[in-house]
Amino acid sequence: MNHTLSSEKNVVSSGKQTIVLMAWGGMLLLSRLPQIIAQEFLGVDLGPQMLWLWLAVGAVLIAGTFVWATLRPLRGYFGVLTALYAATVALNALTGTAVWQGWFGGTETAWALSFFGERLGVVLLALVVMGVLLLMGQSRRDIFLEKGNWRARTGLHLPGRTKTLSWAIVGLAAAFVLALLLGWGLTQMNPGPALDWQQLLWLAPFVLLFALMNAFGEEMAFRAGPLSQLWAVIGENQAVWLTAVWFGLGHYYGGIPSGPMGAALSGLLGVLLGKAMLETRGIALPVLMHLIIDTAIYLFLASTAV
């Protein structure tokens, strides 16, 4: 009897390990890692073809979940990422139209309209991911589309205190510190023209709008979507780190900052935001944290654009 129970436990453990490994393998194939390897080490630019390669890989992985029963729990995760890339293809076609370019593109377009168009694209991707998840039968709670419990405890406490700190305190404090460090770092790397307080006040509404659009869009599309399909399958810690690595790799090209440092910093930020989302069981606090950090970025971008 004991031998039988032990054998069954080993089978379950082996199956879980296979799912975790396949989740990581699938994530890496559906991340920027193949593009980074091809471009940085082989001198091959996969940029124009990358979306189509991701779609092909996503289709193969989804098909694999119908063939191999062990992979079936990952169907939702692979489906969300594939839907995200399909939506990106459609968005690229939309943003290339004369109408879109007339509104948000061109060298004569005001910087505010141009920035708005870029962030609108991220929001549209988030709405597509949200729609796909709801069509899959997910509830708002399943996809973290709630305020969540900001009083959830982090396990951290002040020296000499036994009561642990809430995510509201730790998350917001971390976001403000990161925003200050990031803002300082950006100005040191690329100092722009000095702005007076009147200019800053004029820019503030635009900066906050763009930061909010980007924060919600990225948290919904790039965090809530994948996390909602992963955490119950491979465990919370694995899900947080997996989505954080994918998020970090996504910032290697075009991120602020970009390159290896940008990917590493974005990945670590992804861990913080992912844990905040899972432990509060809501999207609101991660969006607010992301907004605070993005405000520093967009204030810098706006100050160099005007």
Protein backbone atom coordinates (compact mmCIF):
# COMPACT_ATOMS: atom_id res chain seq x y z
CA MET A 1 0.00 0.00 0.00
CA ASN A 2 2.75 2.43 0.94
CA HIS A 3 4.65 1.55 -2.22
CA THR A 4 1.55 2.25 -4.33
CA LEU A 5 0.96 5.63 -2.69
CA SER A 6 4.60 6.53 -3.17
CA SER A 7 4.43 5.58 -6.85
CA GLU A 8 1.30 7.65 -7.38
CA LYS A 9 2.94 10.64 -5.68
CA ASN A 10 5.99 10.32 -7.93
CA VAL A 11 3.77 10.20 -11.02
CA VAL A 12 1.95 13.36 -9.94
CA SER A 13 5.25 15.08 -9.13
CA SER A 14 6.71 14.05 -12.48
CA GLY A 15 3.64 15.35 -14.31
CA LYS A 16 3.84 18.69 -12.47
CA GLN A 17 7.53 19.01 -13.32
CA THR A 18 6.75 18.36 -16.97
CA ILE A 19 4.08 21.07 -16.99
CA VAL A 20 6.44 23.56 -15.33
CA LEU A 21 9.23 22.79 -17.79
CA MET A 22 6.90 23.05 -20.77
CA ALA A 23 5.50 26.33 -19.46
CA TRP A 24 9.00 27.79 -19.23
CA GLY A 25 10.02 26.35 -22.59
CA GLY A 26 6.90 27.65 -24.28
CA MET A 27 7.35 31.07 -22.69
CA LEU A 28 10.95 31.34 -23.92
CA LEU A 29 9.91 30.37 -27.45
CA LEU A 30 7.14 32.97 -27.32
CA SER A 31 9.45 35.65 -25.91
CA ARG A 32 12.08 37.89 -27.47
CA LEU A 33 14.81 35.40 -26.58
CA PRO A 34 14.96 33.81 -30.08
CA GLN A 35 15.15 37.29 -31.62
CA ILE A 36 17.88 38.36 -29.18
CA ILE A 37 19.96 35.24 -29.91
CA ALA A 38 19.51 35.61 -33.67
CA GLN A 39 20.32 39.32 -33.76
CA GLU A 40 22.99 39.67 -31.09
CA PHE A 41 24.90 36.43 -31.69
CA LEU A 42 24.11 35.38 -35.26
CA GLY A 43 23.68 38.78 -36.88
CA VAL A 44 20.23 37.85 -38.23
CA ASP A 45 17.45 40.42 -37.89
CA LEU A 46 14.18 38.60 -37.22
CA GLY A 47 12.31 41.79 -36.36
CA PRO A 48 9.90 41.86 -39.32
CA GLN A 49 9.17 38.11 -39.10
CA MET A 50 9.06 37.73 -35.32
CA LEU A 51 5.31 38.14 -34.88
CA TRP A 52 4.60 35.51 -37.52
CA LEU A 53 7.10 33.13 -35.92
CA TRP A 54 5.40 33.61 -32.55
CA LEU A 55 2.02 32.91 -34.12
CA ALA A 56 3.35 29.72 -35.72
CA VAL A 57 4.96 28.56 -32.47
CA GLY A 58 1.80 29.43 -30.54
CA ALA A 59 -0.33 27.40 -32.94
CA VAL A 60 1.98 24.39 -32.56
CA LEU A 61 1.93 24.66 -28.76
CA ILE A 62 -1.87 24.92 -28.67
CA ALA A 63 -2.14 21.92 -30.99
CA GLY A 64 0.21 20.06 -28.65
CA THR A 65 -2.23 20.53 -25.77
CA PHE A 66 -4.82 18.54 -27.74
CA VAL A 67 -2.37 15.75 -28.51
CA TRP A 68 -0.54 15.46 -25.18
CA ALA A 69 -2.89 15.34 -22.20
CA THR A 70 -0.15 16.46 -19.80
CA LEU A 71 0.02 19.83 -21.57
CA ARG A 72 -3.74 20.42 -21.52
CA PRO A 73 -3.59 22.73 -18.44
CA LEU A 74 -1.32 25.10 -20.43
CA ARG A 75 -3.81 25.56 -23.28
CA GLY A 76 -5.20 28.74 -21.78
CA TYR A 77 -1.74 30.26 -21.29
CA PHE A 78 -0.56 29.46 -24.81
CA GLY A 79 -3.90 30.66 -26.14
CA VAL A 80 -3.65 34.03 -24.40
CA LEU A 81 -0.13 34.70 -25.70
CA THR A 82 -1.06 33.63 -29.22
CA ALA A 83 -4.16 35.83 -29.14
CA LEU A 84 -2.00 38.72 -27.94
CA TYR A 85 0.38 38.32 -30.88
CA ALA A 86 -2.51 37.96 -33.34
CA ALA A 87 -3.98 41.18 -31.95
CA THR A 88 -0.58 42.85 -32.37
CA VAL A 89 -0.54 41.89 -36.06
CA ALA A 90 -4.00 43.42 -36.46
CA LEU A 91 -2.93 46.51 -34.51
CA ASN A 92 0.12 46.98 -36.74
CA ALA A 93 -2.16 46.88 -39.77
CA LEU A 94 -4.48 49.42 -38.14
CA THR A 95 -1.71 51.83 -37.16
CA GLY A 96 -0.34 51.68 -40.69
CA THR A 97 -3.56 52.94 -42.27
CA ALA A 98 -3.81 56.45 -43.66
CA VAL A 99 -6.56 57.33 -41.19
CA TRP A 100 -4.50 56.34 -38.14
CA GLN A 101 -1.41 58.07 -39.51
CA GLY A 102 -3.46 61.15 -40.21
CA TRP A 103 -4.58 61.26 -36.59
CA PHE A 104 -1.52 60.10 -34.68
CA GLY A 105 1.42 59.82 -37.10
CA GLY A 106 3.60 61.98 -39.27
CA THR A 107 6.33 64.46 -38.47
CA GLU A 108 3.86 67.32 -38.07
CA THR A 109 1.73 65.56 -35.46
CA ALA A 110 1.86 67.13 -32.01
CA TRP A 111 3.82 65.06 -29.51
CA ALA A 112 0.75 64.63 -27.29
CA LEU A 113 -1.30 63.10 -30.11
CA SER A 114 1.59 60.86 -31.12
CA PHE A 115 2.04 59.59 -27.55
CA PHE A 116 -1.71 59.12 -27.19
CA GLY A 117 -1.81 56.98 -30.33
CA GLU A 118 1.01 54.77 -29.08
CA ARG A 119 -0.62 54.19 -25.69
CA LEU A 120 -4.03 53.69 -27.27
CA GLY A 121 -2.55 50.70 -29.06
CA VAL A 122 -1.52 49.16 -25.73
CA VAL A 123 -5.01 49.71 -24.32
CA LEU A 124 -6.56 48.05 -27.37
CA LEU A 125 -4.32 45.01 -26.86
CA ALA A 126 -5.45 44.85 -23.23
CA LEU A 127 -9.10 44.97 -24.27
CA VAL A 128 -8.53 42.12 -26.74
CA VAL A 129 -6.85 39.98 -24.07
CA MET A 130 -9.66 40.79 -21.63
CA GLY A 131 -12.26 39.84 -24.23
CA VAL A 132 -10.51 36.55 -25.04
CA LEU A 133 -10.34 35.62 -21.36
CA LEU A 134 -14.01 36.42 -20.80
CA LEU A 135 -14.95 34.36 -23.88
CA MET A 136 -12.94 31.50 -22.36
CA GLY A 137 -15.36 31.58 -19.45
CA GLN A 138 -13.14 33.46 -17.01
CA SER A 139 -14.76 35.74 -14.44
CA ARG A 140 -13.59 39.21 -13.51
CA ARG A 141 -12.10 37.75 -10.35
CA ASP A 142 -10.30 35.06 -12.34
CA ILE A 143 -8.51 37.69 -14.43
CA PHE A 144 -7.81 40.03 -11.47
CA LEU A 145 -10.18 42.68 -12.84
CA GLU A 146 -11.01 43.85 -9.32
CA LYS A 147 -9.63 46.30 -6.78
CA GLY A 148 -8.30 43.47 -4.66
CA ASN A 149 -7.30 43.48 -1.00
CA TRP A 150 -4.67 46.17 -0.52
CA ARG A 151 -4.41 45.20 3.15
CA ALA A 152 -2.97 41.81 2.23
CA ARG A 153 0.26 41.25 4.15
CA THR A 154 3.65 41.10 2.48
CA GLY A 155 5.56 39.27 5.20
CA LEU A 156 7.85 42.30 5.63
CA HIS A 157 7.98 44.34 8.81
CA LEU A 158 9.83 47.36 10.19
CA PRO A 159 12.82 46.75 12.50
CA GLY A 160 11.61 46.15 16.02
CA ARG A 161 8.03 45.56 14.90
CA THR A 162 6.26 42.23 14.64
CA LYS A 163 3.25 43.33 12.58
CA THR A 164 3.86 42.80 8.89
CA LEU A 165 3.35 45.59 6.38
CA SER A 166 0.49 45.64 3.90
CA TRP A 167 0.90 45.66 0.14
CA ALA A 168 -0.59 49.17 0.07
CA ILE A 169 2.39 50.46 2.07
CA VAL A 170 5.15 48.32 0.56
CA GLY A 171 3.90 48.53 -3.02
CA LEU A 172 3.40 52.29 -3.11
CA ALA A 173 6.63 53.01 -1.23
CA ALA A 174 8.57 50.80 -3.65
CA ALA A 175 6.91 52.46 -6.65
CA PHE A 176 7.80 55.99 -5.49
CA VAL A 177 11.41 55.00 -4.77
CA LEU A 178 11.74 53.29 -8.16
CA ALA A 179 10.16 56.28 -9.93
CA LEU A 180 12.66 58.67 -8.33
CA LEU A 181 15.62 56.42 -9.15
CA LEU A 182 14.44 55.87 -12.72
CA GLY A 183 13.76 59.56 -13.30
CA TRP A 184 17.19 60.48 -11.96
CA GLY A 185 18.86 57.79 -14.06
CA LEU A 186 17.15 58.88 -17.27
CA THR A 187 18.13 62.51 -16.80
CA GLN A 188 21.72 61.48 -16.10
CA MET A 189 21.95 59.33 -19.22
CA ASN A 190 20.25 61.81 -21.51
CA PRO A 191 19.83 65.24 -19.94
CA GLY A 192 17.15 67.26 -21.66
CA PRO A 193 16.40 70.97 -21.52
CA ALA A 194 15.58 72.35 -18.09
CA LEU A 195 11.85 72.82 -17.50
CA ASP A 196 10.31 75.41 -15.25
CA TRP A 197 7.34 74.69 -12.98
CA GLN A 198 4.84 76.22 -15.41
CA GLN A 199 5.93 73.82 -18.14
CA LEU A 200 5.75 70.88 -15.73
CA LEU A 201 2.21 71.81 -14.69
CA TRP A 202 1.16 72.07 -18.33
CA LEU A 203 2.64 68.65 -19.08
CA ALA A 204 1.25 66.93 -15.97
CA PRO A 205 -2.26 66.04 -17.26
CA PHE A 206 -0.85 64.54 -20.47
CA VAL A 207 1.86 62.65 -18.60
CA LEU A 208 -0.64 61.16 -16.13
CA LEU A 209 -3.03 60.17 -18.92
CA PHE A 210 -0.32 58.41 -20.92
CA ALA A 211 1.10 56.75 -17.81
CA LEU A 212 -2.36 55.48 -16.82
CA MET A 213 -3.08 54.13 -20.30
CA ASN A 214 0.25 52.34 -20.43
CA ALA A 215 -0.01 51.02 -16.87
CA PHE A 216 -3.47 49.54 -17.35
CA GLY A 217 -2.67 48.22 -20.82
CA GLU A 218 0.52 46.44 -19.79
CA GLU A 219 -0.84 45.11 -16.51
CA MET A 220 -3.92 43.65 -18.21
CA ALA A 221 -2.30 42.33 -21.39
CA PHE A 222 1.15 41.34 -20.15
CA ARG A 223 0.51 40.36 -16.54
CA ALA A 224 -3.10 39.65 -15.59
CA GLY A 225 -3.75 37.67 -18.78
CA PRO A 226 -0.81 35.26 -18.54
CA LEU A 227 -0.87 35.05 -14.72
CA SER A 228 -4.55 34.16 -14.65
CA GLN A 229 -3.84 31.08 -16.77
CA LEU A 230 -0.67 30.01 -14.99
CA TRP A 231 -0.72 30.42 -11.23
CA ALA A 232 -3.14 27.58 -10.47
CA VAL A 233 -1.31 25.30 -12.93
CA ILE A 234 2.36 25.74 -12.01
CA GLY A 235 2.12 27.54 -8.66
CA GLU A 236 2.24 31.20 -7.72
CA ASN A 237 6.02 31.62 -7.45
CA GLN A 238 6.72 29.88 -10.75
CA ALA A 239 3.99 31.90 -12.45
CA VAL A 240 5.31 35.21 -11.11
CA TRP A 241 8.89 34.53 -12.18
CA LEU A 242 7.90 33.09 -15.55
CA THR A 243 5.75 36.08 -16.50
CA ALA A 244 8.41 38.46 -15.13
CA VAL A 245 11.12 36.94 -17.34
CA TRP A 246 8.82 37.19 -20.37
CA PHE A 247 8.03 40.81 -19.46
CA GLY A 248 11.71 41.63 -19.01
CA LEU A 249 12.76 40.05 -22.31
CA GLY A 250 10.03 42.07 -24.00
CA HIS A 251 11.84 45.26 -22.96
CA TYR A 252 15.19 44.25 -24.49
CA TYR A 253 14.34 46.12 -27.69
CA GLY A 254 12.42 49.37 -27.39
CA GLY A 255 12.10 49.42 -23.63
CA ILE A 256 12.95 52.40 -21.45
CA PRO A 257 15.59 51.51 -20.49
CA SER A 258 16.41 48.82 -23.07
CA GLY A 259 19.18 46.27 -23.62
CA PRO A 260 20.39 43.76 -21.01
CA MET A 261 20.05 46.26 -18.17
CA GLY A 262 16.56 47.26 -19.24
CA ALA A 263 15.49 43.63 -19.54
CA ALA A 264 16.86 42.80 -16.08
CA LEU A 265 15.28 45.83 -14.40
CA SER A 266 11.94 45.27 -16.13
CA GLY A 267 12.04 41.62 -15.12
CA LEU A 268 12.61 42.47 -11.46
CA LEU A 269 9.83 45.04 -11.64
CA GLY A 270 7.67 42.29 -13.13
CA VAL A 271 8.31 40.14 -10.05
CA LEU A 272 7.19 42.97 -7.75
CA LEU A 273 4.07 43.76 -9.78
CA GLY A 274 3.21 40.10 -10.28
CA LYS A 275 3.41 39.36 -6.56
CA ALA A 276 1.31 42.45 -5.83
CA MET A 277 -1.34 41.26 -8.29
CA LEU A 278 -1.47 37.71 -6.99
CA GLU A 279 -1.32 38.50 -3.29
CA THR A 280 -3.91 41.30 -3.41
CA ARG A 281 -5.96 39.33 -5.96
CA GLY A 282 -6.60 42.46 -8.00
CA ILE A 283 -5.22 44.65 -10.77
CA ALA A 284 -5.73 48.05 -9.10
CA LEU A 285 -2.60 48.22 -6.93
CA PRO A 286 -0.22 46.98 -9.67
CA VAL A 287 -1.74 49.52 -12.08
CA LEU A 288 -1.21 52.33 -9.56
CA MET A 289 2.37 51.21 -8.88
CA HIS A 290 3.04 50.97 -12.61
CA LEU A 291 1.46 54.40 -13.15
CA ILE A 292 3.75 56.01 -10.57
CA ILE A 293 6.84 54.50 -12.21
CA ASP A 294 5.67 55.32 -15.74
CA THR A 295 4.98 58.92 -14.71
CA ALA A 296 8.73 59.42 -14.31
CA ILE A 297 9.33 57.93 -17.77
CA TYR A 298 6.64 59.94 -19.54
CA LEU A 299 7.60 63.16 -17.81
CA PHE A 300 11.12 62.65 -19.14
CA LEU A 301 9.88 61.78 -22.64
CA ALA A 302 7.51 64.74 -22.72
CA SER A 303 10.20 67.12 -21.50
CA THR A 304 12.48 66.09 -24.35
CA ALA A 305 9.68 66.22 -26.94
CA VAL A 306 8.42 69.75 -26.35
